Amino acid sequence: YCAQQRHQETLAVLAMFQHRAGRTADARRTAEESLRLPGPEGGCMNLVDYWAVSGDRTRALRQLRRLFEMRMIDYDITGDGDLQSLHGDPEYEAIASAQKEHLARLQRAPAEGR
């Protein structure tokens, strides 16, 4: 990767590609390195995706919760295929439900202001 592109999001995407290519040790090192770079305190959503597909449910859920609390997620996460391994987990389901409610409130807000 280009040394000028050393941002958390860039490395999180690289970690995902490395993981999918079977380079799991490289992927984990890249993901860990991404946490030391500029980006949201809780990590970016692509990093949550990486932790989920790599099997680190605890880390994925912890960062997902942090990003939700910081209102850094702007879509319905139930459609994110990379989070499939988290489905059914009570913490994931609570976050997903709360995120759906948050998005619904945002959609209603302009109509209520008329």
C-alpha atoms as a PDB file:
ATOM      1  CA  TYR A   1       0.000   0.000   0.000  1.00  0.00           C
ATOM      2  CA  CYS A   2       1.071   3.550  -0.531  1.00  0.00           C
ATOM      3  CA  ALA A   3       2.830   5.024   2.519  1.00  0.00           C
ATOM      4  CA  GLN A   4       0.880   8.250   2.030  1.00  0.00           C
ATOM      5  CA  GLN A   5      -2.390   6.387   2.576  1.00  0.00           C
ATOM      6  CA  ARG A   6      -1.681   5.376   6.165  1.00  0.00           C
ATOM      7  CA  HIS A   7      -5.084   6.050   7.646  1.00  0.00           C
ATOM      8  CA  GLN A   8      -7.165   3.786   9.823  1.00  0.00           C
ATOM      9  CA  GLU A   9      -9.817   3.257   7.151  1.00  0.00           C
ATOM     10  CA  THR A  10      -7.236   2.377   4.482  1.00  0.00           C
ATOM     11  CA  LEU A  11      -5.518  -0.178   6.690  1.00  0.00           C
ATOM     12  CA  ALA A  12      -8.837  -1.651   7.817  1.00  0.00           C
ATOM     13  CA  VAL A  13      -9.753  -2.294   4.182  1.00  0.00           C
ATOM     14  CA  LEU A  14      -6.292  -3.762   3.561  1.00  0.00           C
ATOM     15  CA  ALA A  15      -6.720  -6.064   6.580  1.00  0.00           C
ATOM     16  CA  MET A  16     -10.005  -7.309   5.131  1.00  0.00           C
ATOM     17  CA  PHE A  17      -8.388  -8.026   1.752  1.00  0.00           C
ATOM     18  CA  GLN A  18      -5.490  -9.814   3.439  1.00  0.00           C
ATOM     19  CA  HIS A  19      -7.898 -11.896   5.502  1.00  0.00           C
ATOM     20  CA  ARG A  20      -9.922 -12.876   2.442  1.00  0.00           C
ATOM     21  CA  ALA A  21      -6.689 -13.827   0.648  1.00  0.00           C
ATOM     22  CA  GLY A  22      -5.832 -16.204   3.488  1.00  0.00           C
ATOM     23  CA  ARG A  23      -3.073 -14.014   4.897  1.00  0.00           C
ATOM     24  CA  THR A  24      -4.598 -14.025   8.360  1.00  0.00           C
ATOM     25  CA  ALA A  25      -1.442 -13.183  10.338  1.00  0.00           C
ATOM     26  CA  ASP A  26      -0.748 -10.209   8.065  1.00  0.00           C
ATOM     27  CA  ALA A  27      -4.388  -9.149   8.351  1.00  0.00           C
ATOM     28  CA  ARG A  28      -4.294  -9.137  12.147  1.00  0.00           C
ATOM     29  CA  ARG A  29      -1.042  -7.128  12.194  1.00  0.00           C
ATOM     30  CA  THR A  30      -2.525  -4.636   9.726  1.00  0.00           C
ATOM     31  CA  ALA A  31      -5.721  -4.303  11.786  1.00  0.00           C
ATOM     32  CA  GLU A  32      -3.714  -3.755  14.968  1.00  0.00           C
ATOM     33  CA  GLU A  33      -1.558  -1.149  13.210  1.00  0.00           C
ATOM     34  CA  SER A  34      -4.669   0.662  11.969  1.00  0.00           C
ATOM     35  CA  LEU A  35      -5.692   1.367  15.573  1.00  0.00           C
ATOM     36  CA  ARG A  36      -2.566   3.482  16.036  1.00  0.00           C
ATOM     37  CA  LEU A  37      -3.449   5.734  13.096  1.00  0.00           C
ATOM     38  CA  PRO A  38      -5.817   8.697  12.760  1.00  0.00           C
ATOM     39  CA  GLY A  39      -9.463   7.735  12.788  1.00  0.00           C
ATOM     40  CA  PRO A  40     -12.461   7.476  15.114  1.00  0.00           C
ATOM     41  CA  GLU A  41     -11.699   6.601  18.726  1.00  0.00           C
ATOM     42  CA  GLY A  42     -13.573   3.313  18.422  1.00  0.00           C
ATOM     43  CA  GLY A  43     -12.131   2.375  15.067  1.00  0.00           C
ATOM     44  CA  CYS A  44     -13.858   2.600  11.734  1.00  0.00           C
ATOM     45  CA  MET A  45     -16.748   0.409  10.613  1.00  0.00           C
ATOM     46  CA  ASN A  46     -14.490  -1.507   8.207  1.00  0.00           C
ATOM     47  CA  LEU A  47     -12.405  -2.489  11.207  1.00  0.00           C
ATOM     48  CA  VAL A  48     -15.540  -3.777  12.959  1.00  0.00           C
ATOM     49  CA  ASP A  49     -16.243  -5.799   9.801  1.00  0.00           C
ATOM     50  CA  TYR A  50     -12.700  -7.197   9.889  1.00  0.00           C
ATOM     51  CA  TRP A  51     -12.920  -8.236  13.555  1.00  0.00           C
ATOM     52  CA  ALA A  52     -16.267  -9.927  12.853  1.00  0.00           C
ATOM     53  CA  VAL A  53     -15.105 -11.948   9.827  1.00  0.00           C
ATOM     54  CA  SER A  54     -11.844 -12.864  11.546  1.00  0.00           C
ATOM     55  CA  GLY A  55     -13.794 -14.363  14.451  1.00  0.00           C
ATOM     56  CA  ASP A  56     -12.964 -11.802  17.129  1.00  0.00           C
ATOM     57  CA  ARG A  57     -16.571 -11.270  18.241  1.00  0.00           C
ATOM     58  CA  THR A  58     -15.625  -9.529  21.480  1.00  0.00           C
ATOM     59  CA  ARG A  59     -13.582  -6.882  19.725  1.00  0.00           C
ATOM     60  CA  ALA A  60     -16.123  -6.487  16.916  1.00  0.00           C
ATOM     61  CA  LEU A  61     -18.968  -5.972  19.380  1.00  0.00           C
ATOM     62  CA  ARG A  62     -16.983  -3.615  21.611  1.00  0.00           C
ATOM     63  CA  GLN A  63     -16.056  -1.394  18.654  1.00  0.00           C
ATOM     64  CA  LEU A  64     -19.520  -1.631  17.142  1.00  0.00           C
ATOM     65  CA  ARG A  65     -21.028  -0.467  20.444  1.00  0.00           C
ATOM     66  CA  ARG A  66     -18.541   2.412  20.654  1.00  0.00           C
ATOM     67  CA  LEU A  67     -19.243   3.536  17.075  1.00  0.00           C
ATOM     68  CA  PHE A  68     -22.998   3.326  17.698  1.00  0.00           C
ATOM     69  CA  GLU A  69     -22.700   5.406  20.869  1.00  0.00           C
ATOM     70  CA  MET A  70     -20.640   7.980  18.958  1.00  0.00           C
ATOM     71  CA  ARG A  71     -23.345   7.991  16.224  1.00  0.00           C
ATOM     72  CA  MET A  72     -20.710   7.006  13.645  1.00  0.00           C
ATOM     73  CA  ILE A  73     -22.929   4.425  11.874  1.00  0.00           C
ATOM     74  CA  ASP A  74     -25.250   5.833   9.246  1.00  0.00           C
ATOM     75  CA  TYR A  75     -26.870   2.698   7.825  1.00  0.00           C
ATOM     76  CA  ASP A  76     -28.880  -0.353   8.875  1.00  0.00           C
ATOM     77  CA  ILE A  77     -26.166  -2.766  10.013  1.00  0.00           C
ATOM     78  CA  THR A  78     -28.436  -5.807   9.669  1.00  0.00           C
ATOM     79  CA  GLY A  79     -27.701  -5.692   5.939  1.00  0.00           C
ATOM     80  CA  ASP A  80     -23.920  -5.728   6.434  1.00  0.00           C
ATOM     81  CA  GLY A  81     -22.896  -9.235   5.332  1.00  0.00           C
ATOM     82  CA  ASP A  82     -19.549  -8.960   7.079  1.00  0.00           C
ATOM     83  CA  LEU A  83     -21.375  -8.841  10.416  1.00  0.00           C
ATOM     84  CA  GLN A  84     -23.285 -12.077   9.743  1.00  0.00           C
ATOM     85  CA  SER A  85     -21.287 -13.946  12.391  1.00  0.00           C
ATOM     86  CA  LEU A  86     -22.649 -11.565  15.037  1.00  0.00           C
ATOM     87  CA  HIS A  87     -26.312 -12.165  14.203  1.00  0.00           C
ATOM     88  CA  GLY A  88     -28.128 -13.777  17.092  1.00  0.00           C
ATOM     89  CA  ASP A  89     -25.740 -12.405  19.693  1.00  0.00           C
ATOM     90  CA  PRO A  90     -27.850 -10.460  22.228  1.00  0.00           C
ATOM     91  CA  GLU A  91     -25.462  -7.491  22.265  1.00  0.00           C
ATOM     92  CA  TYR A  92     -25.399  -7.282  18.461  1.00  0.00           C
ATOM     93  CA  GLU A  93     -29.188  -7.570  18.283  1.00  0.00           C
ATOM     94  CA  ALA A  94     -29.579  -4.772  20.851  1.00  0.00           C
ATOM     95  CA  ILE A  95     -27.210  -2.501  18.909  1.00  0.00           C
ATOM     96  CA  ALA A  96     -28.890  -3.324  15.589  1.00  0.00           C
ATOM     97  CA  SER A  97     -32.347  -2.636  17.022  1.00  0.00           C
ATOM     98  CA  ALA A  98     -31.233   0.649  18.596  1.00  0.00           C
ATOM     99  CA  GLN A  99     -29.560   1.677  15.326  1.00  0.00           C
ATOM    100  CA  LYS A 100     -32.757   0.988  13.374  1.00  0.00           C
ATOM    101  CA  GLU A 101     -34.724   3.105  15.862  1.00  0.00           C
ATOM    102  CA  HIS A 102     -32.158   5.902  15.580  1.00  0.00           C
ATOM    103  CA  LEU A 103     -32.355   5.870  11.769  1.00  0.00           C
ATOM    104  CA  ALA A 104     -36.173   5.897  11.903  1.00  0.00           C
ATOM    105  CA  ARG A 105     -36.098   8.935  14.229  1.00  0.00           C
ATOM    106  CA  LEU A 106     -33.771  10.723  11.829  1.00  0.00           C
ATOM    107  CA  GLN A 107     -36.115  10.021   8.924  1.00  0.00           C
ATOM    108  CA  ARG A 108     -39.137  11.263  10.904  1.00  0.00           C
ATOM    109  CA  ALA A 109     -37.439  14.423  12.179  1.00  0.00           C
ATOM    110  CA  PRO A 110     -37.742  16.477   8.954  1.00  0.00           C
ATOM    111  CA  ALA A 111     -41.432  15.558   8.586  1.00  0.00           C
ATOM    112  CA  GLU A 112     -42.144  16.518  12.203  1.00  0.00           C
ATOM    113  CA  GLY A 113     -40.545  19.922  11.707  1.00  0.00           C
ATOM    114  CA  ARG A 114     -43.039  20.980   9.045  1.00  0.00           C
END
